[in-house]
Amino acid sequence: MAVAALIVKIMPSSPDIDLGEIKEKAKKNLETEGAQNITFEEKPIAFGLKAIFVKFAWPEEKDTDVAENLLSKIENVSSVSIEDYRRAFG
């Protein structure tokens, strides 16, 4: 079973949204689909808005649309986009 390394950008719907809650739900949802080694990084965008970048190992046989759909269904998430996709070795 091959593994892919993904980086996904999550944009909250407002600067006032609790990013911790989005991270918690994202981790739970991704783990149910087989994601591993999930880490989060916040980066400022503009006017107090921060994006969440999620890095994780994803089973290569699963379509990335599954991960995008899981994350986009989280409450207070405006958009989700895959920023990087690489085959992981080892």
PDB file of N, CA and C in Angstrom:
ATOM      1  N   MET A   1       0.847  -1.174   0.000  1.00  0.00           N
ATOM      2  CA  MET A   1       0.000   0.000   0.000  1.00  0.00           C
ATOM      3  C   MET A   1       0.894   1.239   0.000  1.00  0.00           C
ATOM      4  N   ALA A   2       0.790   2.052  -1.033  1.00  0.00           N
ATOM      5  CA  ALA A   2       1.591   3.272  -1.140  1.00  0.00           C
ATOM      6  C   ALA A   2       0.939   4.404  -0.348  1.00  0.00           C
ATOM      7  N   VAL A   3       1.771   5.360   0.026  1.00  0.00           N
ATOM      8  CA  VAL A   3       1.305   6.496   0.814  1.00  0.00           C
ATOM      9  C   VAL A   3       1.687   7.781   0.104  1.00  0.00           C
ATOM     10  N   ALA A   4       0.774   8.748   0.143  1.00  0.00           N
ATOM     11  CA  ALA A   4       1.042  10.071  -0.412  1.00  0.00           C
ATOM     12  C   ALA A   4       1.116  11.072   0.727  1.00  0.00           C
ATOM     13  N   ALA A   5       1.951  12.081   0.556  1.00  0.00           N
ATOM     14  CA  ALA A   5       2.047  13.172   1.532  1.00  0.00           C
ATOM     15  C   ALA A   5       1.264  14.353   0.965  1.00  0.00           C
ATOM     16  N   LEU A   6       0.286  14.821   1.713  1.00  0.00           N
ATOM     17  CA  LEU A   6      -0.565  15.923   1.261  1.00  0.00           C
ATOM     18  C   LEU A   6      -0.420  17.131   2.168  1.00  0.00           C
ATOM     19  N   ILE A   7      -0.535  18.295   1.564  1.00  0.00           N
ATOM     20  CA  ILE A   7      -0.676  19.547   2.306  1.00  0.00           C
ATOM     21  C   ILE A   7      -1.956  20.184   1.789  1.00  0.00           C
ATOM     22  N   VAL A   8      -2.888  20.433   2.695  1.00  0.00           N
ATOM     23  CA  VAL A   8      -4.184  21.000   2.341  1.00  0.00           C
ATOM     24  C   VAL A   8      -4.364  22.321   3.078  1.00  0.00           C
ATOM     25  N   LYS A   9      -4.824  23.320   2.343  1.00  0.00           N
ATOM     26  CA  LYS A   9      -5.075  24.644   2.912  1.00  0.00           C
ATOM     27  C   LYS A   9      -6.565  24.772   3.230  1.00  0.00           C
ATOM     28  N   ILE A  10      -6.859  25.096   4.488  1.00  0.00           N
ATOM     29  CA  ILE A  10      -8.234  25.311   4.936  1.00  0.00           C
ATOM     30  C   ILE A  10      -8.403  26.788   5.258  1.00  0.00           C
ATOM     31  N   MET A  11      -9.390  27.410   4.620  1.00  0.00           N
ATOM     32  CA  MET A  11      -9.693  28.812   4.883  1.00  0.00           C
ATOM     33  C   MET A  11     -10.960  28.901   5.728  1.00  0.00           C
ATOM     34  N   PRO A  12     -10.860  29.520   6.906  1.00  0.00           N
ATOM     35  CA  PRO A  12     -12.067  29.708   7.718  1.00  0.00           C
ATOM     36  C   PRO A  12     -12.953  30.793   7.101  1.00  0.00           C
ATOM     37  N   SER A  13     -14.219  30.802   7.472  1.00  0.00           N
ATOM     38  CA  SER A  13     -15.165  31.749   6.896  1.00  0.00           C
ATOM     39  C   SER A  13     -15.017  33.161   7.457  1.00  0.00           C
ATOM     40  N   SER A  14     -14.301  33.301   8.573  1.00  0.00           N
ATOM     41  CA  SER A  14     -14.140  34.615   9.204  1.00  0.00           C
ATOM     42  C   SER A  14     -12.919  34.607  10.128  1.00  0.00           C
ATOM     43  N   PRO A  15     -12.344  35.794  10.402  1.00  0.00           N
ATOM     44  CA  PRO A  15     -11.203  35.842  11.333  1.00  0.00           C
ATOM     45  C   PRO A  15     -11.592  35.522  12.776  1.00  0.00           C
ATOM     46  N   ASP A  16     -12.880  35.557  13.071  1.00  0.00           N
ATOM     47  CA  ASP A  16     -13.355  35.342  14.446  1.00  0.00           C
ATOM     48  C   ASP A  16     -13.578  33.870  14.791  1.00  0.00           C
ATOM     49  N   ILE A  17     -13.395  33.003  13.839  1.00  0.00           N
ATOM     50  CA  ILE A  17     -13.654  31.569  14.029  1.00  0.00           C
ATOM     51  C   ILE A  17     -12.546  30.941  14.884  1.00  0.00           C
ATOM     52  N   ASP A  18     -12.941  30.010  15.760  1.00  0.00           N
ATOM     53  CA  ASP A  18     -11.990  29.279  16.597  1.00  0.00           C
ATOM     54  C   ASP A  18     -11.268  28.236  15.731  1.00  0.00           C
ATOM     55  N   LEU A  19     -10.010  28.490  15.435  1.00  0.00           N
ATOM     56  CA  LEU A  19      -9.237  27.583  14.582  1.00  0.00           C
ATOM     57  C   LEU A  19      -8.970  26.245  15.268  1.00  0.00           C
ATOM     58  N   GLY A  20      -8.881  26.261  16.578  1.00  0.00           N
ATOM     59  CA  GLY A  20      -8.672  25.026  17.331  1.00  0.00           C
ATOM     60  C   GLY A  20      -9.798  24.032  17.110  1.00  0.00           C
ATOM     61  N   GLU A  21     -11.019  24.529  17.025  1.00  0.00           N
ATOM     62  CA  GLU A  21     -12.176  23.667  16.797  1.00  0.00           C
ATOM     63  C   GLU A  21     -12.123  23.059  15.389  1.00  0.00           C
ATOM     64  N   ILE A  22     -11.731  23.863  14.407  1.00  0.00           N
ATOM     65  CA  ILE A  22     -11.604  23.353  13.039  1.00  0.00           C
ATOM     66  C   ILE A  22     -10.513  22.281  12.983  1.00  0.00           C
ATOM     67  N   LYS A  23      -9.388  22.527  13.633  1.00  0.00           N
ATOM     68  CA  LYS A  23      -8.291  21.545  13.644  1.00  0.00           C
ATOM     69  C   LYS A  23      -8.727  20.231  14.274  1.00  0.00           C
ATOM     70  N   GLU A  24      -9.443  20.324  15.380  1.00  0.00           N
ATOM     71  CA  GLU A  24      -9.899  19.133  16.095  1.00  0.00           C
ATOM     72  C   GLU A  24     -10.820  18.286  15.203  1.00  0.00           C
ATOM     73  N   LYS A  25     -11.772  18.943  14.546  1.00  0.00           N
ATOM     74  CA  LYS A  25     -12.707  18.226  13.677  1.00  0.00           C
ATOM     75  C   LYS A  25     -11.987  17.678  12.445  1.00  0.00           C
ATOM     76  N   ALA A  26     -11.046  18.440  11.909  1.00  0.00           N
ATOM     77  CA  ALA A  26     -10.293  17.993  10.730  1.00  0.00           C
ATOM     78  C   ALA A  26      -9.501  16.728  11.058  1.00  0.00           C
ATOM     79  N   LYS A  27      -8.834  16.733  12.198  1.00  0.00           N
ATOM     80  CA  LYS A  27      -8.040  15.567  12.592  1.00  0.00           C
ATOM     81  C   LYS A  27      -8.926  14.334  12.753  1.00  0.00           C
ATOM     82  N   LYS A  28     -10.039  14.509  13.417  1.00  0.00           N
ATOM     83  CA  LYS A  28     -10.962  13.392  13.644  1.00  0.00           C
ATOM     84  C   LYS A  28     -11.486  12.845  12.313  1.00  0.00           C
ATOM     85  N   ASN A  29     -11.913  13.736  11.419  1.00  0.00           N
ATOM     86  CA  ASN A  29     -12.467  13.309  10.132  1.00  0.00           C
ATOM     87  C   ASN A  29     -11.428  12.613   9.256  1.00  0.00           C
ATOM     88  N   LEU A  30     -10.220  13.153   9.221  1.00  0.00           N
ATOM     89  CA  LEU A  30      -9.169  12.564   8.390  1.00  0.00           C
ATOM     90  C   LEU A  30      -8.743  11.195   8.916  1.00  0.00           C
ATOM     91  N   GLU A  31      -8.644  11.059  10.233  1.00  0.00           N
ATOM     92  CA  GLU A  31      -8.241   9.775  10.817  1.00  0.00           C
ATOM     93  C   GLU A  31      -9.251   8.678  10.507  1.00  0.00           C
ATOM     94  N   THR A  32     -10.532   9.023  10.409  1.00  0.00           N
ATOM     95  CA  THR A  32     -11.545   8.008  10.100  1.00  0.00           C
ATOM     96  C   THR A  32     -11.356   7.448   8.690  1.00  0.00           C
ATOM     97  N   GLU A  33     -10.686   8.193   7.817  1.00  0.00           N
ATOM     98  CA  GLU A  33     -10.450   7.744   6.436  1.00  0.00           C
ATOM     99  C   GLU A  33      -9.032   7.206   6.223  1.00  0.00           C
ATOM    100  N   GLY A  34      -8.250   7.074   7.291  1.00  0.00           N
ATOM    101  CA  GLY A  34      -6.945   6.451   7.181  1.00  0.00           C
ATOM    102  C   GLY A  34      -5.757   7.394   7.132  1.00  0.00           C
ATOM    103  N   ALA A  35      -5.967   8.692   7.325  1.00  0.00           N
ATOM    104  CA  ALA A  35      -4.848   9.637   7.341  1.00  0.00           C
ATOM    105  C   ALA A  35      -4.006   9.416   8.600  1.00  0.00           C
ATOM    106  N   GLN A  36      -2.695   9.651   8.463  1.00  0.00           N
ATOM    107  CA  GLN A  36      -1.775   9.471   9.589  1.00  0.00           C
ATOM    108  C   GLN A  36      -0.834  10.664   9.669  1.00  0.00           C
ATOM    109  N   ASN A  37      -0.161  10.789  10.808  1.00  0.00           N
ATOM    110  CA  ASN A  37       0.849  11.832  11.026  1.00  0.00           C
ATOM    111  C   ASN A  37       0.311  13.224  10.693  1.00  0.00           C
ATOM    112  N   ILE A  38      -0.840  13.555  11.221  1.00  0.00           N
ATOM    113  CA  ILE A  38      -1.508  14.817  10.909  1.00  0.00           C
ATOM    114  C   ILE A  38      -0.902  15.945  11.742  1.00  0.00           C
ATOM    115  N   THR A  39      -0.457  17.008  11.042  1.00  0.00           N
ATOM    116  CA  THR A  39       0.063  18.192  11.722  1.00  0.00           C
ATOM    117  C   THR A  39      -0.601  19.434  11.131  1.00  0.00           C
ATOM    118  N   PHE A  40      -0.617  20.500  11.926  1.00  0.00           N
ATOM    119  CA  PHE A  40      -1.269  21.742  11.520  1.00  0.00           C
ATOM    120  C   PHE A  40      -0.301  22.918  11.641  1.00  0.00           C
ATOM    121  N   GLU A  41      -0.466  23.873  10.752  1.00  0.00           N
ATOM    122  CA  GLU A  41       0.305  25.112  10.797  1.00  0.00           C
ATOM    123  C   GLU A  41      -0.636  26.254  10.407  1.00  0.00           C
ATOM    124  N   GLU A  42      -0.602  27.327  11.184  1.00  0.00           N
ATOM    125  CA  GLU A  42      -1.411  28.505  10.865  1.00  0.00           C
ATOM    126  C   GLU A  42      -0.534  29.549  10.197  1.00  0.00           C
ATOM    127  N   LYS A  43      -1.054  30.146   9.128  1.00  0.00           N
ATOM    128  CA  LYS A  43      -0.325  31.204   8.439  1.00  0.00           C
ATOM    129  C   LYS A  43      -1.252  32.391   8.233  1.00  0.00           C
ATOM    130  N   PRO A  44      -0.772  33.600   8.577  1.00  0.00           N
ATOM    131  CA  PRO A  44      -1.608  34.788   8.367  1.00  0.00           C
ATOM    132  C   PRO A  44      -1.813  35.054   6.877  1.00  0.00           C
ATOM    133  N   ILE A  45      -3.033  35.454   6.525  1.00  0.00           N
ATOM    134  CA  ILE A  45      -3.373  35.760   5.141  1.00  0.00           C
ATOM    135  C   ILE A  45      -3.524  37.274   4.979  1.00  0.00           C
ATOM    136  N   ALA A  46      -4.541  37.863   5.603  1.00  0.00           N
ATOM    137  CA  ALA A  46      -4.760  39.316   5.538  1.00  0.00           C
ATOM    138  C   ALA A  46      -5.859  39.709   6.514  1.00  0.00           C
ATOM    139  N   PHE A  47      -5.743  40.908   7.039  1.00  0.00           N
ATOM    140  CA  PHE A  47      -6.789  41.494   7.889  1.00  0.00           C
ATOM    141  C   PHE A  47      -7.196  40.592   9.047  1.00  0.00           C
ATOM    142  N   GLY A  48      -6.227  39.925   9.651  1.00  0.00           N
ATOM    143  CA  GLY A  48      -6.489  39.069  10.801  1.00  0.00           C
ATOM    144  C   GLY A  48      -6.923  37.651  10.454  1.00  0.00           C
ATOM    145  N   LEU A  49      -7.119  37.381   9.188  1.00  0.00           N
ATOM    146  CA  LEU A  49      -7.531  36.040   8.763  1.00  0.00           C
ATOM    147  C   LEU A  49      -6.312  35.128   8.662  1.00  0.00           C
ATOM    148  N   LYS A  50      -6.442  33.934   9.220  1.00  0.00           N
ATOM    149  CA  LYS A  50      -5.359  32.950   9.159  1.00  0.00           C
ATOM    150  C   LYS A  50      -5.852  31.693   8.456  1.00  0.00           C
ATOM    151  N   ALA A  51      -4.996  31.119   7.640  1.00  0.00           N
ATOM    152  CA  ALA A  51      -5.290  29.844   6.990  1.00  0.00           C
ATOM    153  C   ALA A  51      -4.658  28.728   7.808  1.00  0.00           C
ATOM    154  N   ILE A  52      -5.275  27.571   7.744  1.00  0.00           N
ATOM    155  CA  ILE A  52      -4.733  26.379   8.396  1.00  0.00           C
ATOM    156  C   ILE A  52      -4.167  25.478   7.301  1.00  0.00           C
ATOM    157  N   PHE A  53      -2.902  25.112   7.433  1.00  0.00           N
ATOM    158  CA  PHE A  53      -2.279  24.170   6.512  1.00  0.00           C
ATOM    159  C   PHE A  53      -2.160  22.832   7.235  1.00  0.00           C
ATOM    160  N   VAL A  54      -2.784  21.813   6.672  1.00  0.00           N
ATOM    161  CA  VAL A  54      -2.793  20.476   7.264  1.00  0.00           C
ATOM    162  C   VAL A  54      -1.860  19.590   6.457  1.00  0.00           C
ATOM    163  N   LYS A  55      -0.902  18.978   7.125  1.00  0.00           N
ATOM    164  CA  LYS A  55       0.015  18.041   6.478  1.00  0.00           C
ATOM    165  C   LYS A  55      -0.296  16.653   7.022  1.00  0.00           C
ATOM    166  N   PHE A  56      -0.394  15.671   6.108  1.00  0.00           N
ATOM    167  CA  PHE A  56      -0.697  14.318   6.563  1.00  0.00           C
ATOM    168  C   PHE A  56      -0.334  13.282   5.509  1.00  0.00           C
ATOM    169  N   ALA A  57      -0.200  12.045   5.979  1.00  0.00           N
ATOM    170  CA  ALA A  57       0.038  10.906   5.095  1.00  0.00           C
ATOM    171  C   ALA A  57      -1.327  10.341   4.713  1.00  0.00           C
ATOM    172  N   TRP A  58      -1.530  10.128   3.411  1.00  0.00           N
ATOM    173  CA  TRP A  58      -2.828   9.700   2.887  1.00  0.00           C
ATOM    174  C   TRP A  58      -2.649   8.419   2.069  1.00  0.00           C
ATOM    175  N   PRO A  59      -3.524   7.429   2.249  1.00  0.00           N
ATOM    176  CA  PRO A  59      -3.427   6.213   1.442  1.00  0.00           C
ATOM    177  C   PRO A  59      -3.566   6.564  -0.050  1.00  0.00           C
ATOM    178  N   GLU A  60      -2.583   6.200  -0.848  1.00  0.00           N
ATOM    179  CA  GLU A  60      -2.546   6.610  -2.245  1.00  0.00           C
ATOM    180  C   GLU A  60      -3.708   6.047  -3.067  1.00  0.00           C
ATOM    181  N   GLU A  61      -4.237   4.900  -2.647  1.00  0.00           N
ATOM    182  CA  GLU A  61      -5.339   4.321  -3.415  1.00  0.00           C
ATOM    183  C   GLU A  61      -6.653   5.080  -3.228  1.00  0.00           C
ATOM    184  N   LYS A  62      -6.713   5.940  -2.212  1.00  0.00           N
ATOM    185  CA  LYS A  62      -7.915   6.763  -1.999  1.00  0.00           C
ATOM    186  C   LYS A  62      -7.782   8.068  -2.763  1.00  0.00           C
ATOM    187  N   ASP A  63      -8.867   8.497  -3.350  1.00  0.00           N
ATOM    188  CA  ASP A  63      -8.894   9.753  -4.099  1.00  0.00           C
ATOM    189  C   ASP A  63      -8.762  10.932  -3.132  1.00  0.00           C
ATOM    190  N   THR A  64      -8.067  11.970  -3.557  1.00  0.00           N
ATOM    191  CA  THR A  64      -7.899  13.157  -2.706  1.00  0.00           C
ATOM    192  C   THR A  64      -9.205  13.919  -2.532  1.00  0.00           C
ATOM    193  N   ASP A  65     -10.174  13.674  -3.404  1.00  0.00           N
ATOM    194  CA  ASP A  65     -11.486  14.316  -3.253  1.00  0.00           C
ATOM    195  C   ASP A  65     -12.144  13.923  -1.932  1.00  0.00           C
ATOM    196  N   VAL A  66     -11.852  12.725  -1.460  1.00  0.00           N
ATOM    197  CA  VAL A  66     -12.402  12.266  -0.187  1.00  0.00           C
ATOM    198  C   VAL A  66     -11.933  13.189   0.933  1.00  0.00           C
ATOM    199  N   ALA A  67     -10.639  13.484   0.960  1.00  0.00           N
ATOM    200  CA  ALA A  67     -10.086  14.365   1.997  1.00  0.00           C
ATOM    201  C   ALA A  67     -10.656  15.779   1.860  1.00  0.00           C
ATOM    202  N   GLU A  68     -10.716  16.285   0.637  1.00  0.00           N
ATOM    203  CA  GLU A  68     -11.253  17.632   0.421  1.00  0.00           C
ATOM    204  C   GLU A  68     -12.706  17.730   0.882  1.00  0.00           C
ATOM    205  N   ASN A  69     -13.509  16.741   0.537  1.00  0.00           N
ATOM    206  CA  ASN A  69     -14.918  16.762   0.933  1.00  0.00           C
ATOM    207  C   ASN A  69     -15.093  16.678   2.444  1.00  0.00           C
ATOM    208  N   LEU A  70     -14.277  15.851   3.098  1.00  0.00           N
ATOM    209  CA  LEU A  70     -14.350  15.743   4.554  1.00  0.00           C
ATOM    210  C   LEU A  70     -14.076  17.089   5.221  1.00  0.00           C
ATOM    211  N   LEU A  71     -13.046  17.765   4.732  1.00  0.00           N
ATOM    212  CA  LEU A  71     -12.643  19.030   5.338  1.00  0.00           C
ATOM    213  C   LEU A  71     -13.598  20.168   4.989  1.00  0.00           C
ATOM    214  N   SER A  72     -14.138  20.167   3.804  1.00  0.00           N
ATOM    215  CA  SER A  72     -15.026  21.258   3.403  1.00  0.00           C
ATOM    216  C   SER A  72     -16.376  21.204   4.110  1.00  0.00           C
ATOM    217  N   LYS A  73     -16.746  20.035   4.656  1.00  0.00           N
ATOM    218  CA  LYS A  73     -18.016  19.901   5.373  1.00  0.00           C
ATOM    219  C   LYS A  73     -17.939  20.393   6.817  1.00  0.00           C
ATOM    220  N   ILE A  74     -16.754  20.739   7.277  1.00  0.00           N
ATOM    221  CA  ILE A  74     -16.599  21.236   8.647  1.00  0.00           C
ATOM    222  C   ILE A  74     -17.233  22.613   8.746  1.00  0.00           C
ATOM    223  N   GLU A  75     -17.969  22.818   9.825  1.00  0.00           N
ATOM    224  CA  GLU A  75     -18.648  24.100  10.040  1.00  0.00           C
ATOM    225  C   GLU A  75     -17.634  25.246  10.098  1.00  0.00           C
ATOM    226  N   ASN A  76     -17.966  26.369   9.500  1.00  0.00           N
ATOM    227  CA  ASN A  76     -17.160  27.598   9.461  1.00  0.00           C
ATOM    228  C   ASN A  76     -15.927  27.497   8.562  1.00  0.00           C
ATOM    229  N   VAL A  77     -15.897  26.518   7.661  1.00  0.00           N
ATOM    230  CA  VAL A  77     -14.822  26.424   6.675  1.00  0.00           C
ATOM    231  C   VAL A  77     -15.337  27.011   5.369  1.00  0.00           C
ATOM    232  N   SER A  78     -14.606  27.994   4.865  1.00  0.00           N
ATOM    233  CA  SER A  78     -14.998  28.676   3.634  1.00  0.00           C
ATOM    234  C   SER A  78     -14.542  27.910   2.394  1.00  0.00           C
ATOM    235  N   SER A  79     -13.271  27.465   2.390  1.00  0.00           N
ATOM    236  CA  SER A  79     -12.749  26.735   1.235  1.00  0.00           C
ATOM    237  C   SER A  79     -11.630  25.793   1.654  1.00  0.00           C
ATOM    238  N   VAL A  80     -11.415  24.787   0.805  1.00  0.00           N
ATOM    239  CA  VAL A  80     -10.365  23.794   1.019  1.00  0.00           C
ATOM    240  C   VAL A  80      -9.674  23.574  -0.316  1.00  0.00           C
ATOM    241  N   SER A  81      -8.340  23.594  -0.308  1.00  0.00           N
ATOM    242  CA  SER A  81      -7.605  23.335  -1.547  1.00  0.00           C
ATOM    243  C   SER A  81      -6.342  22.540  -1.255  1.00  0.00           C
ATOM    244  N   ILE A  82      -6.017  21.633  -2.162  1.00  0.00           N
ATOM    245  CA  ILE A  82      -4.792  20.848  -2.018  1.00  0.00           C
ATOM    246  C   ILE A  82      -3.635  21.692  -2.531  1.00  0.00           C
ATOM    247  N   GLU A  83      -2.666  21.937  -1.670  1.00  0.00           N
ATOM    248  CA  GLU A  83      -1.511  22.764  -2.008  1.00  0.00           C
ATOM    249  C   GLU A  83      -0.336  21.931  -2.516  1.00  0.00           C
ATOM    250  N   ASP A  84      -0.222  20.687  -2.038  1.00  0.00           N
ATOM    251  CA  ASP A  84       0.892  19.833  -2.443  1.00  0.00           C
ATOM    252  C   ASP A  84       0.495  18.371  -2.314  1.00  0.00           C
ATOM    253  N   TYR A  85       0.919  17.566  -3.290  1.00  0.00           N
ATOM    254  CA  TYR A  85       0.663  16.127  -3.302  1.00  0.00           C
ATOM    255  C   TYR A  85       1.929  15.452  -3.777  1.00  0.00           C
ATOM    256  N   ARG A  86       2.473  14.559  -2.957  1.00  0.00           N
ATOM    257  CA  ARG A  86       3.704  13.848  -3.321  1.00  0.00           C
ATOM    258  C   ARG A  86       3.616  12.406  -2.867  1.00  0.00           C
ATOM    259  N   ARG A  87       4.206  11.545  -3.660  1.00  0.00           N
ATOM    260  CA  ARG A  87       4.309  10.153  -3.255  1.00  0.00           C
ATOM    261  C   ARG A  87       5.385  10.068  -2.177  1.00  0.00           C
ATOM    262  N   ALA A  88       5.054   9.413  -1.079  1.00  0.00           N
ATOM    263  CA  ALA A  88       5.989   9.268   0.041  1.00  0.00           C
ATOM    264  C   ALA A  88       6.689   7.919  -0.073  1.00  0.00           C
ATOM    265  N   PHE A  89       7.951   7.904   0.245  1.00  0.00           N
ATOM    266  CA  PHE A  89       8.729   6.673   0.209  1.00  0.00           C
ATOM    267  C   PHE A  89       9.175   6.314   1.608  1.00  0.00           C
ATOM    268  N   GLY A  90       9.336   5.022   1.844  1.00  0.00           N
ATOM    269  CA  GLY A  90       9.863   4.573   3.110  1.00  0.00           C
ATOM    270  C   GLY A  90       8.815   4.061   3.947  1.00  0.00           C
TER     271      GLY A  90
END
